[in-house]
Amino acid sequence: MMKILVVDDEADVQPLFLQRFRKELRANEFEFDFALSGEEALDFMKKGHSQIVLILSDINMPGMSGIELLSEIRLNYHEPEPVVMMITAYGDDENRRQADKNGANDFLTKPLDFNLLKEKLKHLLE
């Protein structure tokens, strides 16, 4: 089972993920946890980072941005190092460059293409 932490300040992201991954969740392929901010994500990581395989983080959030969160994760979490996919708005090239420079593994654009995300996750499971 792959543990995934989704970081997004929009509360409606959680039910959306749970709905879109209903089948996979029932089959115990994935387990999702959710954080509404970068700060909350770091608190969560402190408690159990070694179980987190993948972090999906929005870039534009109040308080700590996804880029700052990514930097913290790359600085402090190595064994094992989680895969980090950043979620960007269309045409947000500067943030994408910053995330790339800070060690993002991949990018997704909003609105999320859940079929594409599932494909990417299946590759990680292989």
Protein backbone atom coordinates (compact mmCIF):
# COMPACT_ATOMS: atom_id res chain seq x y z
CA MET A 1 0.00 0.00 0.00
CA MET A 2 1.25 3.46 -0.92
CA LYS A 3 0.76 6.22 1.66
CA ILE A 4 0.08 9.59 0.06
CA LEU A 5 -0.08 13.00 1.72
CA VAL A 6 -2.15 15.57 -0.17
CA VAL A 7 -1.42 19.19 0.77
CA ASP A 8 -3.93 21.77 -0.41
CA ASP A 9 -5.62 24.69 1.33
CA GLU A 10 -8.93 23.95 -0.43
CA ALA A 11 -11.05 21.74 1.84
CA ASP A 12 -13.02 20.25 -1.09
CA VAL A 13 -9.89 18.47 -2.31
CA GLN A 14 -10.24 15.72 0.32
CA PRO A 15 -13.73 14.44 -0.66
CA LEU A 16 -12.76 14.73 -4.32
CA PHE A 17 -9.71 12.45 -3.86
CA LEU A 18 -11.67 9.98 -1.75
CA GLN A 19 -14.38 9.81 -4.41
CA ARG A 20 -12.01 9.54 -7.39
CA PHE A 21 -9.91 6.81 -5.71
CA ARG A 22 -12.84 4.88 -4.19
CA LYS A 23 -11.99 1.66 -6.01
CA GLU A 24 -8.25 1.85 -5.25
CA LEU A 25 -8.94 2.67 -1.59
CA ARG A 26 -11.23 -0.35 -1.25
CA ALA A 27 -8.49 -2.50 -2.80
CA ASN A 28 -5.98 -1.05 -0.27
CA GLU A 29 -3.69 0.19 -3.07
CA PHE A 30 -3.42 3.68 -1.59
CA GLU A 31 -3.94 5.41 1.71
CA PHE A 32 -4.50 9.16 1.70
CA ASP A 33 -3.83 11.70 4.41
CA PHE A 34 -4.62 15.37 3.98
CA ALA A 35 -3.08 18.61 5.21
CA LEU A 36 -4.61 22.04 4.62
CA SER A 37 -1.29 23.92 4.81
CA GLY A 38 2.44 23.48 4.46
CA GLU A 39 2.80 23.90 8.22
CA GLU A 40 0.25 21.14 8.86
CA ALA A 41 2.04 18.91 6.34
CA LEU A 42 5.36 19.36 8.17
CA ASP A 43 3.72 18.50 11.50
CA PHE A 44 2.34 15.36 9.89
CA MET A 45 5.75 14.49 8.43
CA LYS A 46 7.38 14.82 11.87
CA LYS A 47 5.00 12.17 13.22
CA GLY A 48 5.38 9.55 10.52
CA HIS A 49 7.41 10.60 7.49
CA SER A 50 8.98 7.20 6.90
CA GLN A 51 5.59 5.82 5.88
CA ILE A 52 4.86 8.59 3.38
CA VAL A 53 5.85 7.51 -0.12
CA LEU A 54 4.38 10.42 -2.06
CA ILE A 55 3.45 14.01 -1.33
CA LEU A 56 1.10 15.87 -3.66
CA SER A 57 1.32 19.56 -2.87
CA ASP A 58 -0.41 22.62 -4.22
CA ILE A 59 2.05 25.46 -4.80
CA ASN A 60 -0.17 28.46 -4.08
CA MET A 61 -1.25 28.33 -0.45
CA PRO A 62 -1.55 31.00 2.26
CA GLY A 63 1.28 30.94 4.79
CA MET A 64 3.93 28.46 3.71
CA SER A 65 3.88 27.95 -0.05
CA GLY A 66 4.26 24.57 -1.70
CA ILE A 67 7.77 25.63 -2.80
CA GLU A 68 8.78 26.36 0.82
CA LEU A 69 7.27 23.04 1.91
CA LEU A 70 9.22 21.25 -0.83
CA SER A 71 12.47 22.90 0.31
CA GLU A 72 11.84 21.83 3.92
CA ILE A 73 11.10 18.25 2.85
CA ARG A 74 14.24 18.04 0.70
CA LEU A 75 16.30 19.51 3.54
CA ASN A 76 15.01 17.29 6.34
CA TYR A 77 13.62 14.02 4.96
CA HIS A 78 16.01 11.60 3.32
CA GLU A 79 15.48 8.08 4.65
CA PRO A 80 13.45 7.33 2.64
CA GLU A 81 13.08 10.46 0.53
CA PRO A 82 9.45 10.91 -0.50
CA VAL A 83 8.43 11.52 -4.10
CA VAL A 84 6.99 15.05 -4.34
CA MET A 85 4.58 16.06 -7.10
CA MET A 86 3.64 19.71 -7.26
CA ILE A 87 0.24 20.96 -8.38
CA THR A 88 0.35 24.19 -10.38
CA ALA A 89 -2.10 26.44 -12.14
CA TYR A 90 -1.89 26.61 -15.92
CA GLY A 91 0.77 29.01 -17.15
CA ASP A 92 2.42 29.25 -13.75
CA ASP A 93 5.90 28.92 -15.23
CA GLU A 94 7.86 30.78 -12.54
CA ASN A 95 6.53 28.58 -9.73
CA ARG A 96 7.23 25.53 -11.86
CA ARG A 97 10.85 26.62 -12.34
CA GLN A 98 11.21 27.23 -8.60
CA ALA A 99 9.74 23.82 -7.76
CA ASP A 100 11.99 22.13 -10.30
CA LYS A 101 15.04 23.88 -8.81
CA ASN A 102 14.01 22.74 -5.32
CA GLY A 103 13.73 19.09 -6.26
CA ALA A 104 10.15 18.41 -7.34
CA ASN A 105 9.82 14.98 -8.96
CA ASP A 106 6.83 15.80 -11.14
CA PHE A 107 4.10 18.32 -11.90
CA LEU A 108 0.35 18.21 -12.29
CA THR A 109 -1.85 21.09 -13.37
CA LYS A 110 -5.19 22.19 -11.98
CA PRO A 111 -7.86 21.11 -12.55
CA LEU A 112 -6.37 17.72 -11.73
CA ASP A 113 -6.56 15.03 -14.39
CA PHE A 114 -7.22 12.05 -12.12
CA ASN A 115 -6.65 9.51 -14.90
CA LEU A 116 -3.18 10.94 -15.50
CA LEU A 117 -2.49 10.97 -11.75
CA LYS A 118 -3.53 7.31 -11.46
CA GLU A 119 -1.18 6.41 -14.33
CA LYS A 120 1.71 8.18 -12.60
CA LEU A 121 0.92 6.45 -9.30
CA LYS A 122 0.80 3.02 -10.96
CA HIS A 123 4.31 3.64 -12.37
CA LEU A 124 5.53 4.45 -8.86
CA LEU A 125 4.08 1.19 -7.56
CA GLU A 126 5.96 -0.88 -10.14
